[in-house]
C-alpha atoms as a PDB file:
ATOM      1  CA  MET A   1     158.780  34.806 249.387  1.00  0.00           C
ATOM      2  CA  TYR A   2     157.380  35.353 245.893  1.00  0.00           C
ATOM      3  CA  ASP A   3     157.146  32.960 242.980  1.00  0.00           C
ATOM      4  CA  PHE A   4     157.585  35.769 240.437  1.00  0.00           C
ATOM      5  CA  VAL A   5     158.963  39.297 240.717  1.00  0.00           C
ATOM      6  CA  ILE A   6     158.197  41.777 237.941  1.00  0.00           C
ATOM      7  CA  ILE A   7     160.215  44.974 237.783  1.00  0.00           C
ATOM      8  CA  GLY A   8     158.258  47.835 236.256  1.00  0.00           C
ATOM      9  CA  GLY A   9     154.565  48.612 236.511  1.00  0.00           C
ATOM     10  CA  GLY A  10     154.110  49.881 232.982  1.00  0.00           C
ATOM     11  CA  ILE A  11     151.981  48.205 230.367  1.00  0.00           C
ATOM     12  CA  ILE A  12     154.445  45.336 229.850  1.00  0.00           C
ATOM     13  CA  GLY A  13     154.812  44.669 233.571  1.00  0.00           C
ATOM     14  CA  MET A  14     151.054  44.774 234.139  1.00  0.00           C
ATOM     15  CA  SER A  15     150.390  42.535 231.127  1.00  0.00           C
ATOM     16  CA  THR A  16     152.997  40.059 232.331  1.00  0.00           C
ATOM     17  CA  ALA A  17     151.420  39.994 235.793  1.00  0.00           C
ATOM     18  CA  MET A  18     147.966  39.394 234.331  1.00  0.00           C
ATOM     19  CA  GLN A  19     149.201  36.522 232.181  1.00  0.00           C
ATOM     20  CA  LEU A  20     151.032  34.966 235.128  1.00  0.00           C
ATOM     21  CA  ILE A  21     147.840  35.157 237.189  1.00  0.00           C
ATOM     22  CA  ASP A  22     145.976  33.334 234.412  1.00  0.00           C
ATOM     23  CA  LEU A  23     148.663  30.650 234.109  1.00  0.00           C
ATOM     24  CA  TYR A  24     149.473  30.273 237.819  1.00  0.00           C
ATOM     25  CA  PRO A  25     146.445  31.391 239.869  1.00  0.00           C
ATOM     26  CA  ASP A  26     148.022  30.333 243.180  1.00  0.00           C
ATOM     27  CA  ALA A  27     151.391  32.004 242.544  1.00  0.00           C
ATOM     28  CA  ARG A  28     152.586  34.915 244.646  1.00  0.00           C
ATOM     29  CA  ILE A  29     153.552  37.797 242.367  1.00  0.00           C
ATOM     30  CA  ALA A  30     155.377  40.990 243.344  1.00  0.00           C
ATOM     31  CA  LEU A  31     155.274  43.942 240.961  1.00  0.00           C
ATOM     32  CA  LEU A  32     157.887  46.604 241.750  1.00  0.00           C
ATOM     33  CA  GLU A  33     157.468  50.188 240.592  1.00  0.00           C
ATOM     34  CA  LYS A  34     159.693  53.137 241.471  1.00  0.00           C
ATOM     35  CA  ARG A  35     156.870  55.674 241.269  1.00  0.00           C
ATOM     36  CA  VAL A  36     153.992  55.874 243.716  1.00  0.00           C
ATOM     37  CA  ARG A  37     151.388  55.418 240.971  1.00  0.00           C
ATOM     38  CA  ALA A  38     152.159  52.915 238.228  1.00  0.00           C
ATOM     39  CA  SER A  39     151.455  53.476 234.527  1.00  0.00           C
ATOM     40  CA  LEU A  40     151.537  57.284 234.672  1.00  0.00           C
ATOM     41  CA  PRO A  41     154.022  59.574 232.950  1.00  0.00           C
ATOM     42  CA  PRO A  42     156.773  60.790 235.342  1.00  0.00           C
ATOM     43  CA  ASP A  43     155.320  64.307 235.532  1.00  0.00           C
ATOM     44  CA  ARG A  44     151.926  62.969 236.702  1.00  0.00           C
ATOM     45  CA  ALA A  45     153.104  60.447 239.327  1.00  0.00           C
END
Protein backbone atom coordinates (compact mmCIF):
# COMPACT_ATOMS: atom_id res chain seq x y z
CA MET A 1 0.00 0.00 0.00
CA TYR A 2 1.17 3.53 -0.78
CA ASP A 3 0.86 6.69 1.27
CA PHE A 4 0.59 8.87 -1.85
CA VAL A 5 -0.29 8.09 -5.46
CA ILE A 6 0.57 10.65 -8.14
CA ILE A 7 -1.02 10.28 -11.55
CA GLY A 8 1.16 11.67 -14.31
CA GLY A 9 4.93 11.68 -14.61
CA GLY A 10 5.26 15.09 -16.21
CA ILE A 11 6.94 18.05 -14.61
CA ILE A 12 4.09 18.64 -12.14
CA GLY A 13 3.94 14.99 -11.09
CA MET A 14 7.71 14.77 -10.68
CA SER A 15 7.84 18.05 -8.74
CA THR A 16 5.03 16.87 -6.47
CA ALA A 17 6.86 13.60 -5.81
CA MET A 18 10.08 15.44 -4.98
CA GLN A 19 8.31 17.75 -2.55
CA LEU A 20 6.53 14.83 -0.89
CA ILE A 21 9.88 13.07 -0.45
CA ASP A 22 11.26 16.19 1.25
CA LEU A 23 8.23 16.52 3.53
CA TYR A 24 7.68 12.81 4.24
CA PRO A 25 10.98 10.94 3.74
CA ASP A 26 9.55 7.63 4.98
CA ALA A 27 6.39 7.77 2.85
CA ARG A 28 5.76 5.26 0.08
CA ILE A 29 4.99 7.13 -3.14
CA ALA A 30 3.68 5.65 -6.39
CA LEU A 31 3.98 7.71 -9.57
CA LEU A 32 1.81 6.40 -12.41
CA GLU A 33 2.59 7.20 -16.03
CA LYS A 34 0.85 5.81 -19.11
CA ARG A 35 3.95 6.01 -21.29
CA VAL A 36 7.02 3.84 -20.85
CA ARG A 37 9.31 6.85 -20.41
CA ALA A 38 8.01 9.76 -18.36
CA SER A 39 8.48 13.43 -19.26
CA LEU A 40 8.91 12.87 -23.00
CA PRO A 41 6.61 14.10 -25.76
CA PRO A 42 4.24 11.35 -27.01
CA ASP A 43 6.15 10.92 -30.28
CA ARG A 44 9.42 10.23 -28.42
CA ALA A 45 8.14 7.78 -25.77
